[in-house]
Amino acid sequence: MIRVGLRSVGKGQYEAADALSLSTLQAYRHIILPQVFRVTSPIILSQTIILFKDTALVYVLSLTDLVGAASKVAQLNGRLVEMYLTVAAVYLVICTSASQLVAVLRKRTRIATNR
């Protein structure tokens, strides 16, 4: 993803940094990386949300995650349905709020086009 972001920066940006006699580190810090962040941050956050959703699959592999911990607690007190509904609500709240954050970030970093 970062490589795609680096490729999205036009050649003229590198040339402009060179024309300003910026070092490579200064060029990346002040010119290139802010543009890369603008392009790649929504993608990275979306992938993070997908990864978070997939953590529930870890339970299938007998590793402990939120679902596994809820299952262990539910087996102790016999409230399986309540624990799974709580876990589902937690996943829903986290994923929904993170998705809203990505939507806001995409709107704020959108590049205006003259069409």
PDB file of N, CA and C in Angstrom:
ATOM      1  N   MET A   1       0.808  -1.190   0.000  1.00  0.00           N
ATOM      2  CA  MET A   1       0.000   0.000   0.000  1.00  0.00           C
ATOM      3  C   MET A   1       0.860   1.266   0.000  1.00  0.00           C
ATOM      4  N   ILE A   2       1.938   1.224   0.745  1.00  0.00           N
ATOM      5  CA  ILE A   2       2.814   2.390   0.790  1.00  0.00           C
ATOM      6  C   ILE A   2       3.473   2.595  -0.572  1.00  0.00           C
ATOM      7  N   ARG A   3       3.825   1.491  -1.217  1.00  0.00           N
ATOM      8  CA  ARG A   3       4.441   1.607  -2.535  1.00  0.00           C
ATOM      9  C   ARG A   3       3.468   2.252  -3.527  1.00  0.00           C
ATOM     10  N   VAL A   4       2.202   1.883  -3.441  1.00  0.00           N
ATOM     11  CA  VAL A   4       1.192   2.498  -4.309  1.00  0.00           C
ATOM     12  C   VAL A   4       1.098   3.990  -4.015  1.00  0.00           C
ATOM     13  N   GLY A   5       1.159   4.343  -2.741  1.00  0.00           N
ATOM     14  CA  GLY A   5       1.132   5.758  -2.373  1.00  0.00           C
ATOM     15  C   GLY A   5       2.329   6.511  -2.909  1.00  0.00           C
ATOM     16  N   LEU A   6       3.502   5.883  -2.838  1.00  0.00           N
ATOM     17  CA  LEU A   6       4.708   6.521  -3.370  1.00  0.00           C
ATOM     18  C   LEU A   6       4.622   6.692  -4.877  1.00  0.00           C
ATOM     19  N   ARG A   7       4.029   5.712  -5.544  1.00  0.00           N
ATOM     20  CA  ARG A   7       3.891   5.816  -6.999  1.00  0.00           C
ATOM     21  C   ARG A   7       2.834   6.835  -7.408  1.00  0.00           C
ATOM     22  N   SER A   8       1.910   7.142  -6.486  1.00  0.00           N
ATOM     23  CA  SER A   8       0.864   8.105  -6.825  1.00  0.00           C
ATOM     24  C   SER A   8       1.381   9.547  -6.826  1.00  0.00           C
ATOM     25  N   VAL A   9       2.526   9.760  -6.175  1.00  0.00           N
ATOM     26  CA  VAL A   9       3.119  11.091  -6.154  1.00  0.00           C
ATOM     27  C   VAL A   9       3.788  11.323  -7.501  1.00  0.00           C
ATOM     28  N   GLY A  10       3.447  12.431  -8.111  1.00  0.00           N
ATOM     29  CA  GLY A  10       3.974  12.725  -9.445  1.00  0.00           C
ATOM     30  C   GLY A  10       5.476  12.980  -9.454  1.00  0.00           C
ATOM     31  N   LYS A  11       6.070  12.740 -10.607  1.00  0.00           N
ATOM     32  CA  LYS A  11       7.506  12.947 -10.776  1.00  0.00           C
ATOM     33  C   LYS A  11       7.882  14.403 -10.538  1.00  0.00           C
ATOM     34  N   GLY A  12       6.977  15.301 -10.847  1.00  0.00           N
ATOM     35  CA  GLY A  12       7.223  16.723 -10.663  1.00  0.00           C
ATOM     36  C   GLY A  12       7.437  17.103  -9.198  1.00  0.00           C
ATOM     37  N   GLN A  13       6.845  16.357  -8.285  1.00  0.00           N
ATOM     38  CA  GLN A  13       7.030  16.634  -6.863  1.00  0.00           C
ATOM     39  C   GLN A  13       8.470  16.363  -6.437  1.00  0.00           C
ATOM     40  N   TYR A  14       9.010  15.257  -6.944  1.00  0.00           N
ATOM     41  CA  TYR A  14      10.417  14.936  -6.662  1.00  0.00           C
ATOM     42  C   TYR A  14      11.337  15.995  -7.278  1.00  0.00           C
ATOM     43  N   GLU A  15      11.007  16.395  -8.500  1.00  0.00           N
ATOM     44  CA  GLU A  15      11.812  17.415  -9.179  1.00  0.00           C
ATOM     45  C   GLU A  15      11.724  18.760  -8.469  1.00  0.00           C
ATOM     46  N   ALA A  16      10.553  19.085  -7.943  1.00  0.00           N
ATOM     47  CA  ALA A  16      10.390  20.345  -7.216  1.00  0.00           C
ATOM     48  C   ALA A  16      11.228  20.331  -5.940  1.00  0.00           C
ATOM     49  N   ALA A  17      11.253  19.193  -5.251  1.00  0.00           N
ATOM     50  CA  ALA A  17      12.074  19.082  -4.038  1.00  0.00           C
ATOM     51  C   ALA A  17      13.546  19.234  -4.388  1.00  0.00           C
ATOM     52  N   ASP A  18      13.942  18.657  -5.510  1.00  0.00           N
ATOM     53  CA  ASP A  18      15.329  18.778  -5.953  1.00  0.00           C
ATOM     54  C   ASP A  18      15.649  20.221  -6.329  1.00  0.00           C
ATOM     55  N   ALA A  19      14.692  20.917  -6.962  1.00  0.00           N
ATOM     56  CA  ALA A  19      14.903  22.310  -7.353  1.00  0.00           C
ATOM     57  C   ALA A  19      15.034  23.220  -6.135  1.00  0.00           C
ATOM     58  N   LEU A  20      14.397  22.832  -5.040  1.00  0.00           N
ATOM     59  CA  LEU A  20      14.496  23.601  -3.798  1.00  0.00           C
ATOM     60  C   LEU A  20      15.730  23.237  -2.983  1.00  0.00           C
ATOM     61  N   SER A  21      16.556  22.354  -3.527  1.00  0.00           N
ATOM     62  CA  SER A  21      17.784  21.882  -2.876  1.00  0.00           C
ATOM     63  C   SER A  21      17.512  21.221  -1.530  1.00  0.00           C
ATOM     64  N   LEU A  22      16.411  20.487  -1.464  1.00  0.00           N
ATOM     65  CA  LEU A  22      16.111  19.747  -0.243  1.00  0.00           C
ATOM     66  C   LEU A  22      16.862  18.425  -0.261  1.00  0.00           C
ATOM     67  N   SER A  23      17.299  17.997   0.901  1.00  0.00           N
ATOM     68  CA  SER A  23      17.909  16.676   0.981  1.00  0.00           C
ATOM     69  C   SER A  23      16.815  15.628   0.778  1.00  0.00           C
ATOM     70  N   THR A  24      17.220  14.407   0.566  1.00  0.00           N
ATOM     71  CA  THR A  24      16.237  13.338   0.360  1.00  0.00           C
ATOM     72  C   THR A  24      15.328  13.201   1.571  1.00  0.00           C
ATOM     73  N   LEU A  25      15.912  13.263   2.762  1.00  0.00           N
ATOM     74  CA  LEU A  25      15.123  13.158   3.991  1.00  0.00           C
ATOM     75  C   LEU A  25      14.128  14.318   4.106  1.00  0.00           C
ATOM     76  N   GLN A  26      14.582  15.519   3.807  1.00  0.00           N
ATOM     77  CA  GLN A  26      13.687  16.682   3.868  1.00  0.00           C
ATOM     78  C   GLN A  26      12.588  16.585   2.817  1.00  0.00           C
ATOM     79  N   ALA A  27      12.939  16.121   1.634  1.00  0.00           N
ATOM     80  CA  ALA A  27      11.953  15.996   0.564  1.00  0.00           C
ATOM     81  C   ALA A  27      10.853  15.006   0.957  1.00  0.00           C
ATOM     82  N   TYR A  28      11.255  13.872   1.510  1.00  0.00           N
ATOM     83  CA  TYR A  28      10.259  12.887   1.925  1.00  0.00           C
ATOM     84  C   TYR A  28       9.440  13.397   3.102  1.00  0.00           C
ATOM     85  N   ARG A  29      10.088  14.056   4.035  1.00  0.00           N
ATOM     86  CA  ARG A  29       9.389  14.502   5.240  1.00  0.00           C
ATOM     87  C   ARG A  29       8.391  15.617   4.943  1.00  0.00           C
ATOM     88  N   HIS A  30       8.762  16.568   4.114  1.00  0.00           N
ATOM     89  CA  HIS A  30       7.928  17.745   3.911  1.00  0.00           C
ATOM     90  C   HIS A  30       7.044  17.689   2.668  1.00  0.00           C
ATOM     91  N   ILE A  31       7.422  16.915   1.680  1.00  0.00           N
ATOM     92  CA  ILE A  31       6.682  16.942   0.418  1.00  0.00           C
ATOM     93  C   ILE A  31       6.039  15.595   0.085  1.00  0.00           C
ATOM     94  N   ILE A  32       6.845  14.546   0.085  1.00  0.00           N
ATOM     95  CA  ILE A  32       6.377  13.255  -0.428  1.00  0.00           C
ATOM     96  C   ILE A  32       5.470  12.538   0.567  1.00  0.00           C
ATOM     97  N   LEU A  33       5.932  12.318   1.804  1.00  0.00           N
ATOM     98  CA  LEU A  33       5.165  11.519   2.763  1.00  0.00           C
ATOM     99  C   LEU A  33       3.806  12.105   3.134  1.00  0.00           C
ATOM    100  N   PRO A  34       3.644  13.426   3.243  1.00  0.00           N
ATOM    101  CA  PRO A  34       2.282  13.929   3.485  1.00  0.00           C
ATOM    102  C   PRO A  34       1.301  13.544   2.371  1.00  0.00           C
ATOM    103  N   GLN A  35       1.775  13.541   1.136  1.00  0.00           N
ATOM    104  CA  GLN A  35       0.915  13.140   0.024  1.00  0.00           C
ATOM    105  C   GLN A  35       0.639  11.646   0.051  1.00  0.00           C
ATOM    106  N   VAL A  36       1.656  10.867   0.411  1.00  0.00           N
ATOM    107  CA  VAL A  36       1.479   9.415   0.513  1.00  0.00           C
ATOM    108  C   VAL A  36       0.478   9.100   1.618  1.00  0.00           C
ATOM    109  N   PHE A  37       0.603   9.780   2.761  1.00  0.00           N
ATOM    110  CA  PHE A  37      -0.330   9.557   3.857  1.00  0.00           C
ATOM    111  C   PHE A  37      -1.750   9.892   3.444  1.00  0.00           C
ATOM    112  N   ARG A  38      -1.900  10.963   2.698  1.00  0.00           N
ATOM    113  CA  ARG A  38      -3.222  11.378   2.250  1.00  0.00           C
ATOM    114  C   ARG A  38      -3.879  10.313   1.364  1.00  0.00           C
ATOM    115  N   VAL A  39      -3.086   9.662   0.539  1.00  0.00           N
ATOM    116  CA  VAL A  39      -3.612   8.658  -0.377  1.00  0.00           C
ATOM    117  C   VAL A  39      -3.845   7.317   0.324  1.00  0.00           C
ATOM    118  N   THR A  40      -2.940   6.934   1.210  1.00  0.00           N
ATOM    119  CA  THR A  40      -2.982   5.573   1.758  1.00  0.00           C
ATOM    120  C   THR A  40      -3.710   5.428   3.088  1.00  0.00           C
ATOM    121  N   SER A  41      -3.925   6.507   3.828  1.00  0.00           N
ATOM    122  CA  SER A  41      -4.525   6.352   5.155  1.00  0.00           C
ATOM    123  C   SER A  41      -5.926   5.736   5.129  1.00  0.00           C
ATOM    124  N   PRO A  42      -6.837   6.102   4.230  1.00  0.00           N
ATOM    125  CA  PRO A  42      -8.135   5.417   4.227  1.00  0.00           C
ATOM    126  C   PRO A  42      -8.006   3.926   3.916  1.00  0.00           C
ATOM    127  N   ILE A  43      -7.099   3.566   3.027  1.00  0.00           N
ATOM    128  CA  ILE A  43      -6.916   2.161   2.677  1.00  0.00           C
ATOM    129  C   ILE A  43      -6.377   1.381   3.866  1.00  0.00           C
ATOM    130  N   ILE A  44      -5.386   1.954   4.552  1.00  0.00           N
ATOM    131  CA  ILE A  44      -4.791   1.275   5.700  1.00  0.00           C
ATOM    132  C   ILE A  44      -5.822   1.114   6.814  1.00  0.00           C
ATOM    133  N   LEU A  45      -6.616   2.143   7.064  1.00  0.00           N
ATOM    134  CA  LEU A  45      -7.638   2.040   8.106  1.00  0.00           C
ATOM    135  C   LEU A  45      -8.714   1.027   7.738  1.00  0.00           C
ATOM    136  N   SER A  46      -9.097   0.974   6.482  1.00  0.00           N
ATOM    137  CA  SER A  46     -10.077  -0.030   6.044  1.00  0.00           C
ATOM    138  C   SER A  46      -9.536  -1.436   6.236  1.00  0.00           C
ATOM    139  N   GLN A  47      -8.278  -1.643   5.902  1.00  0.00           N
ATOM    140  CA  GLN A  47      -7.662  -2.953   6.100  1.00  0.00           C
ATOM    141  C   GLN A  47      -7.568  -3.303   7.584  1.00  0.00           C
ATOM    142  N   THR A  48      -7.351  -2.305   8.432  1.00  0.00           N
ATOM    143  CA  THR A  48      -7.304  -2.538   9.871  1.00  0.00           C
ATOM    144  C   THR A  48      -8.660  -2.982  10.390  1.00  0.00           C
ATOM    145  N   ILE A  49      -9.729  -2.378   9.894  1.00  0.00           N
ATOM    146  CA  ILE A  49     -11.080  -2.780  10.289  1.00  0.00           C
ATOM    147  C   ILE A  49     -11.348  -4.218   9.860  1.00  0.00           C
ATOM    148  N   ILE A  50     -10.962  -4.561   8.648  1.00  0.00           N
ATOM    149  CA  ILE A  50     -11.152  -5.930   8.161  1.00  0.00           C
ATOM    150  C   ILE A  50     -10.377  -6.910   9.019  1.00  0.00           C
ATOM    151  N   LEU A  51      -9.155  -6.553   9.377  1.00  0.00           N
ATOM    152  CA  LEU A  51      -8.345  -7.409  10.238  1.00  0.00           C
ATOM    153  C   LEU A  51      -8.999  -7.583  11.602  1.00  0.00           C
ATOM    154  N   PHE A  52      -9.548  -6.501  12.152  1.00  0.00           N
ATOM    155  CA  PHE A  52     -10.237  -6.599  13.435  1.00  0.00           C
ATOM    156  C   PHE A  52     -11.440  -7.530  13.354  1.00  0.00           C
ATOM    157  N   LYS A  53     -12.195  -7.434  12.277  1.00  0.00           N
ATOM    158  CA  LYS A  53     -13.343  -8.320  12.108  1.00  0.00           C
ATOM    159  C   LYS A  53     -12.901  -9.776  12.017  1.00  0.00           C
ATOM    160  N   ASP A  54     -11.764 -10.007  11.388  1.00  0.00           N
ATOM    161  CA  ASP A  54     -11.271 -11.373  11.224  1.00  0.00           C
ATOM    162  C   ASP A  54     -10.696 -11.962  12.504  1.00  0.00           C
ATOM    163  N   THR A  55     -10.500 -11.149  13.535  1.00  0.00           N
ATOM    164  CA  THR A  55      -9.981 -11.705  14.783  1.00  0.00           C
ATOM    165  C   THR A  55     -10.963 -12.681  15.405  1.00  0.00           C
ATOM    166  N   ALA A  56     -12.239 -12.566  15.070  1.00  0.00           N
ATOM    167  CA  ALA A  56     -13.217 -13.523  15.579  1.00  0.00           C
ATOM    168  C   ALA A  56     -12.942 -14.920  15.035  1.00  0.00           C
ATOM    169  N   LEU A  57     -12.278 -15.007  13.888  1.00  0.00           N
ATOM    170  CA  LEU A  57     -11.952 -16.310  13.315  1.00  0.00           C
ATOM    171  C   LEU A  57     -10.842 -17.023  14.078  1.00  0.00           C
ATOM    172  N   VAL A  58     -10.114 -16.279  14.893  1.00  0.00           N
ATOM    173  CA  VAL A  58      -9.045 -16.872  15.696  1.00  0.00           C
ATOM    174  C   VAL A  58      -9.623 -17.901  16.656  1.00  0.00           C
ATOM    175  N   TYR A  59     -10.855 -17.679  17.091  1.00  0.00           N
ATOM    176  CA  TYR A  59     -11.509 -18.589  18.024  1.00  0.00           C
ATOM    177  C   TYR A  59     -11.633 -19.989  17.424  1.00  0.00           C
ATOM    178  N   VAL A  60     -11.818 -20.059  16.121  1.00  0.00           N
ATOM    179  CA  VAL A  60     -11.925 -21.350  15.435  1.00  0.00           C
ATOM    180  C   VAL A  60     -10.618 -22.126  15.569  1.00  0.00           C
ATOM    181  N   LEU A  61      -9.498 -21.419  15.653  1.00  0.00           N
ATOM    182  CA  LEU A  61      -8.192 -22.057  15.770  1.00  0.00           C
ATOM    183  C   LEU A  61      -7.820 -22.355  17.222  1.00  0.00           C
ATOM    184  N   SER A  62      -8.770 -22.207  18.129  1.00  0.00           N
ATOM    185  CA  SER A  62      -8.592 -22.473  19.558  1.00  0.00           C
ATOM    186  C   SER A  62      -7.622 -21.510  20.229  1.00  0.00           C
ATOM    187  N   LEU A  63      -7.511 -20.311  19.722  1.00  0.00           N
ATOM    188  CA  LEU A  63      -6.737 -19.268  20.371  1.00  0.00           C
ATOM    189  C   LEU A  63      -7.706 -18.320  21.066  1.00  0.00           C
ATOM    190  N   THR A  64      -7.247 -17.659  22.095  1.00  0.00           N
ATOM    191  CA  THR A  64      -8.140 -16.800  22.862  1.00  0.00           C
ATOM    192  C   THR A  64      -8.182 -15.394  22.274  1.00  0.00           C
ATOM    193  N   ASP A  65      -9.369 -14.926  22.038  1.00  0.00           N
ATOM    194  CA  ASP A  65      -9.624 -13.544  21.648  1.00  0.00           C
ATOM    195  C   ASP A  65     -10.857 -13.109  22.413  1.00  0.00           C
ATOM    196  N   LEU A  66     -11.530 -12.087  21.943  1.00  0.00           N
ATOM    197  CA  LEU A  66     -12.720 -11.595  22.628  1.00  0.00           C
ATOM    198  C   LEU A  66     -13.809 -12.664  22.677  1.00  0.00           C
ATOM    199  N   VAL A  67     -14.012 -13.360  21.579  1.00  0.00           N
ATOM    200  CA  VAL A  67     -15.034 -14.406  21.539  1.00  0.00           C
ATOM    201  C   VAL A  67     -14.633 -15.569  22.445  1.00  0.00           C
ATOM    202  N   GLY A  68     -13.367 -15.927  22.414  1.00  0.00           N
ATOM    203  CA  GLY A  68     -12.900 -17.023  23.261  1.00  0.00           C
ATOM    204  C   GLY A  68     -13.014 -16.702  24.737  1.00  0.00           C
ATOM    205  N   ALA A  69     -12.668 -15.482  25.112  1.00  0.00           N
ATOM    206  CA  ALA A  69     -12.787 -15.066  26.509  1.00  0.00           C
ATOM    207  C   ALA A  69     -14.252 -15.062  26.939  1.00  0.00           C
ATOM    208  N   ALA A  70     -15.125 -14.586  26.065  1.00  0.00           N
ATOM    209  CA  ALA A  70     -16.559 -14.589  26.385  1.00  0.00           C
ATOM    210  C   ALA A  70     -17.076 -16.006  26.540  1.00  0.00           C
ATOM    211  N   SER A  71     -16.599 -16.905  25.711  1.00  0.00           N
ATOM    212  CA  SER A  71     -17.023 -18.297  25.806  1.00  0.00           C
ATOM    213  C   SER A  71     -16.593 -18.917  27.124  1.00  0.00           C
ATOM    214  N   LYS A  72     -15.375 -18.627  27.545  1.00  0.00           N
ATOM    215  CA  LYS A  72     -14.890 -19.173  28.813  1.00  0.00           C
ATOM    216  C   LYS A  72     -15.682 -18.632  29.996  1.00  0.00           C
ATOM    217  N   VAL A  73     -15.978 -17.330  29.973  1.00  0.00           N
ATOM    218  CA  VAL A  73     -16.769 -16.733  31.055  1.00  0.00           C
ATOM    219  C   VAL A  73     -18.188 -17.286  31.028  1.00  0.00           C
ATOM    220  N   ALA A  74     -18.755 -17.450  29.837  1.00  0.00           N
ATOM    221  CA  ALA A  74     -20.115 -17.962  29.707  1.00  0.00           C
ATOM    222  C   ALA A  74     -20.221 -19.397  30.213  1.00  0.00           C
ATOM    223  N   GLN A  75     -19.189 -20.196  30.016  1.00  0.00           N
ATOM    224  CA  GLN A  75     -19.206 -21.568  30.505  1.00  0.00           C
ATOM    225  C   GLN A  75     -19.156 -21.624  32.027  1.00  0.00           C
ATOM    226  N   LEU A  76     -18.523 -20.625  32.636  1.00  0.00           N
ATOM    227  CA  LEU A  76     -18.448 -20.586  34.092  1.00  0.00           C
ATOM    228  C   LEU A  76     -19.785 -20.229  34.727  1.00  0.00           C
ATOM    229  N   ASN A  77     -20.494 -19.266  34.145  1.00  0.00           N
ATOM    230  CA  ASN A  77     -21.745 -18.843  34.770  1.00  0.00           C
ATOM    231  C   ASN A  77     -22.990 -19.253  33.990  1.00  0.00           C
ATOM    232  N   GLY A  78     -22.850 -19.948  32.875  1.00  0.00           N
ATOM    233  CA  GLY A  78     -23.990 -20.490  32.135  1.00  0.00           C
ATOM    234  C   GLY A  78     -24.797 -19.470  31.358  1.00  0.00           C
ATOM    235  N   ARG A  79     -24.233 -18.326  31.031  1.00  0.00           N
ATOM    236  CA  ARG A  79     -24.952 -17.293  30.273  1.00  0.00           C
ATOM    237  C   ARG A  79     -24.321 -17.122  28.890  1.00  0.00           C
ATOM    238  N   LEU A  80     -24.415 -18.160  28.116  1.00  0.00           N
ATOM    239  CA  LEU A  80     -23.771 -18.183  26.807  1.00  0.00           C
ATOM    240  C   LEU A  80     -24.364 -17.138  25.852  1.00  0.00           C
ATOM    241  N   VAL A  81     -25.698 -17.089  25.766  1.00  0.00           N
ATOM    242  CA  VAL A  81     -26.357 -16.175  24.834  1.00  0.00           C
ATOM    243  C   VAL A  81     -26.034 -14.716  25.178  1.00  0.00           C
ATOM    244  N   GLU A  82     -26.096 -14.381  26.457  1.00  0.00           N
ATOM    245  CA  GLU A  82     -25.828 -13.005  26.871  1.00  0.00           C
ATOM    246  C   GLU A  82     -24.402 -12.594  26.549  1.00  0.00           C
ATOM    247  N   MET A  83     -23.455 -13.483  26.769  1.00  0.00           N
ATOM    248  CA  MET A  83     -22.051 -13.161  26.496  1.00  0.00           C
ATOM    249  C   MET A  83     -21.806 -12.972  25.005  1.00  0.00           C
ATOM    250  N   TYR A  84     -22.378 -13.849  24.182  1.00  0.00           N
ATOM    251  CA  TYR A  84     -22.186 -13.709  22.739  1.00  0.00           C
ATOM    252  C   TYR A  84     -22.882 -12.458  22.202  1.00  0.00           C
ATOM    253  N   LEU A  85     -24.036 -12.102  22.763  1.00  0.00           N
ATOM    254  CA  LEU A  85     -24.690 -10.862  22.343  1.00  0.00           C
ATOM    255  C   LEU A  85     -23.864  -9.646  22.746  1.00  0.00           C
ATOM    256  N   THR A  86     -23.235  -9.704  23.907  1.00  0.00           N
ATOM    257  CA  THR A  86     -22.368  -8.611  24.339  1.00  0.00           C
ATOM    258  C   THR A  86     -21.171  -8.469  23.409  1.00  0.00           C
ATOM    259  N   VAL A  87     -20.559  -9.593  23.062  1.00  0.00           N
ATOM    260  CA  VAL A  87     -19.415  -9.565  22.146  1.00  0.00           C
ATOM    261  C   VAL A  87     -19.839  -9.028  20.783  1.00  0.00           C
ATOM    262  N   ALA A  88     -20.997  -9.453  20.304  1.00  0.00           N
ATOM    263  CA  ALA A  88     -21.493  -8.953  19.018  1.00  0.00           C
ATOM    264  C   ALA A  88     -21.718  -7.449  19.072  1.00  0.00           C
ATOM    265  N   ALA A  89     -22.253  -6.964  20.181  1.00  0.00           N
ATOM    266  CA  ALA A  89     -22.479  -5.526  20.327  1.00  0.00           C
ATOM    267  C   ALA A  89     -21.156  -4.765  20.360  1.00  0.00           C
ATOM    268  N   VAL A  90     -20.152  -5.313  21.035  1.00  0.00           N
ATOM    269  CA  VAL A  90     -18.837  -4.671  21.093  1.00  0.00           C
ATOM    270  C   VAL A  90     -18.227  -4.598  19.696  1.00  0.00           C
ATOM    271  N   TYR A  91     -18.276  -5.709  18.955  1.00  0.00           N
ATOM    272  CA  TYR A  91     -17.757  -5.714  17.587  1.00  0.00           C
ATOM    273  C   TYR A  91     -18.516  -4.702  16.723  1.00  0.00           C
ATOM    274  N   LEU A  92     -19.827  -4.652  16.878  1.00  0.00           N
ATOM    275  CA  LEU A  92     -20.642  -3.728  16.086  1.00  0.00           C
ATOM    276  C   LEU A  92     -20.273  -2.281  16.377  1.00  0.00           C
ATOM    277  N   VAL A  93     -20.127  -1.928  17.638  1.00  0.00           N
ATOM    278  CA  VAL A  93     -19.797  -0.555  18.008  1.00  0.00           C
ATOM    279  C   VAL A  93     -18.411  -0.176  17.496  1.00  0.00           C
ATOM    280  N   ILE A  94     -17.446  -1.051  17.699  1.00  0.00           N
ATOM    281  CA  ILE A  94     -16.075  -0.737  17.272  1.00  0.00           C
ATOM    282  C   ILE A  94     -15.990  -0.633  15.757  1.00  0.00           C
ATOM    283  N   CYS A  95     -16.557  -1.583  15.054  1.00  0.00           N
ATOM    284  CA  CYS A  95     -16.468  -1.564  13.584  1.00  0.00           C
ATOM    285  C   CYS A  95     -17.250  -0.405  12.973  1.00  0.00           C
ATOM    286  N   THR A  96     -18.414  -0.093  13.537  1.00  0.00           N
ATOM    287  CA  THR A  96     -19.205   1.014  13.015  1.00  0.00           C
ATOM    288  C   THR A  96     -18.500   2.349  13.235  1.00  0.00           C
ATOM    289  N   SER A  97     -17.970   2.545  14.444  1.00  0.00           N
ATOM    290  CA  SER A  97     -17.292   3.812  14.705  1.00  0.00           C
ATOM    291  C   SER A  97     -16.010   3.932  13.884  1.00  0.00           C
ATOM    292  N   ALA A  98     -15.292   2.845  13.705  1.00  0.00           N
ATOM    293  CA  ALA A  98     -14.083   2.884  12.880  1.00  0.00           C
ATOM    294  C   ALA A  98     -14.433   3.146  11.415  1.00  0.00           C
ATOM    295  N   SER A  99     -15.516   2.577  10.935  1.00  0.00           N
ATOM    296  CA  SER A  99     -15.948   2.818   9.556  1.00  0.00           C
ATOM    297  C   SER A  99     -16.357   4.269   9.363  1.00  0.00           C
ATOM    298  N   GLN A 100     -17.011   4.841  10.352  1.00  0.00           N
ATOM    299  CA  GLN A 100     -17.372   6.256  10.285  1.00  0.00           C
ATOM    300  C   GLN A 100     -16.121   7.132  10.256  1.00  0.00           C
ATOM    301  N   LEU A 101     -15.120   6.756  11.046  1.00  0.00           N
ATOM    302  CA  LEU A 101     -13.859   7.481  11.048  1.00  0.00           C
ATOM    303  C   LEU A 101     -13.196   7.440   9.679  1.00  0.00           C
ATOM    304  N   VAL A 102     -13.210   6.284   9.043  1.00  0.00           N
ATOM    305  CA  VAL A 102     -12.636   6.160   7.703  1.00  0.00           C
ATOM    306  C   VAL A 102     -13.408   7.013   6.710  1.00  0.00           C
ATOM    307  N   ALA A 103     -14.733   7.040   6.820  1.00  0.00           N
ATOM    308  CA  ALA A 103     -15.537   7.861   5.904  1.00  0.00           C
ATOM    309  C   ALA A 103     -15.219   9.340   6.071  1.00  0.00           C
ATOM    310  N   VAL A 104     -15.078   9.788   7.311  1.00  0.00           N
ATOM    311  CA  VAL A 104     -14.726  11.191   7.559  1.00  0.00           C
ATOM    312  C   VAL A 104     -13.334  11.490   7.016  1.00  0.00           C
ATOM    313  N   LEU A 105     -12.405  10.563   7.245  1.00  0.00           N
ATOM    314  CA  LEU A 105     -11.044  10.761   6.762  1.00  0.00           C
ATOM    315  C   LEU A 105     -10.993  10.806   5.248  1.00  0.00           C
ATOM    316  N   ARG A 106     -11.746   9.946   4.587  1.00  0.00           N
ATOM    317  CA  ARG A 106     -11.796   9.974   3.124  1.00  0.00           C
ATOM    318  C   ARG A 106     -12.367  11.291   2.621  1.00  0.00           C
ATOM    319  N   LYS A 107     -13.387  11.788   3.299  1.00  0.00           N
ATOM    320  CA  LYS A 107     -13.989  13.050   2.881  1.00  0.00           C
ATOM    321  C   LYS A 107     -13.011  14.207   3.078  1.00  0.00           C
ATOM    322  N   ARG A 108     -12.266  14.196   4.177  1.00  0.00           N
ATOM    323  CA  ARG A 108     -11.327  15.275   4.456  1.00  0.00           C
ATOM    324  C   ARG A 108     -10.101  15.234   3.555  1.00  0.00           C
ATOM    325  N   THR A 109      -9.698  14.038   3.115  1.00  0.00           N
ATOM    326  CA  THR A 109      -8.486  13.928   2.301  1.00  0.00           C
ATOM    327  C   THR A 109      -8.782  13.827   0.815  1.00  0.00           C
ATOM    328  N   ARG A 110     -10.034  13.973   0.444  1.00  0.00           N
ATOM    329  CA  ARG A 110     -10.406  13.888  -0.964  1.00  0.00           C
ATOM    330  C   ARG A 110      -9.753  15.037  -1.721  1.00  0.00           C
ATOM    331  N   ILE A 111      -9.243  14.727  -2.879  1.00  0.00           N
ATOM    332  CA  ILE A 111      -8.614  15.737  -3.717  1.00  0.00           C
ATOM    333  C   ILE A 111      -9.674  16.297  -4.653  1.00  0.00           C
ATOM    334  N   ALA A 112      -9.811  17.599  -4.653  1.00  0.00           N
ATOM    335  CA  ALA A 112     -10.823  18.247  -5.484  1.00  0.00           C
ATOM    336  C   ALA A 112     -10.438  18.125  -6.949  1.00  0.00           C
ATOM    337  N   THR A 113     -11.416  17.830  -7.772  1.00  0.00           N
ATOM    338  CA  THR A 113     -11.190  17.743  -9.218  1.00  0.00           C
ATOM    339  C   THR A 113     -12.075  18.755  -9.916  1.00  0.00           C
ATOM    340  N   ASN A 114     -11.613  19.241 -11.008  1.00  0.00           N
ATOM    341  CA  ASN A 114     -12.377  20.211 -11.789  1.00  0.00           C
ATOM    342  C   ASN A 114     -13.048  19.493 -12.944  1.00  0.00           C
ATOM    343  N   ARG A 115     -14.195  18.904 -12.693  1.00  0.00           N
ATOM    344  CA  ARG A 115     -14.913  18.182 -13.738  1.00  0.00           C
ATOM    345  C   ARG A 115     -16.268  18.761 -13.929  1.00  0.00           C
TER     346      ARG A 115
END
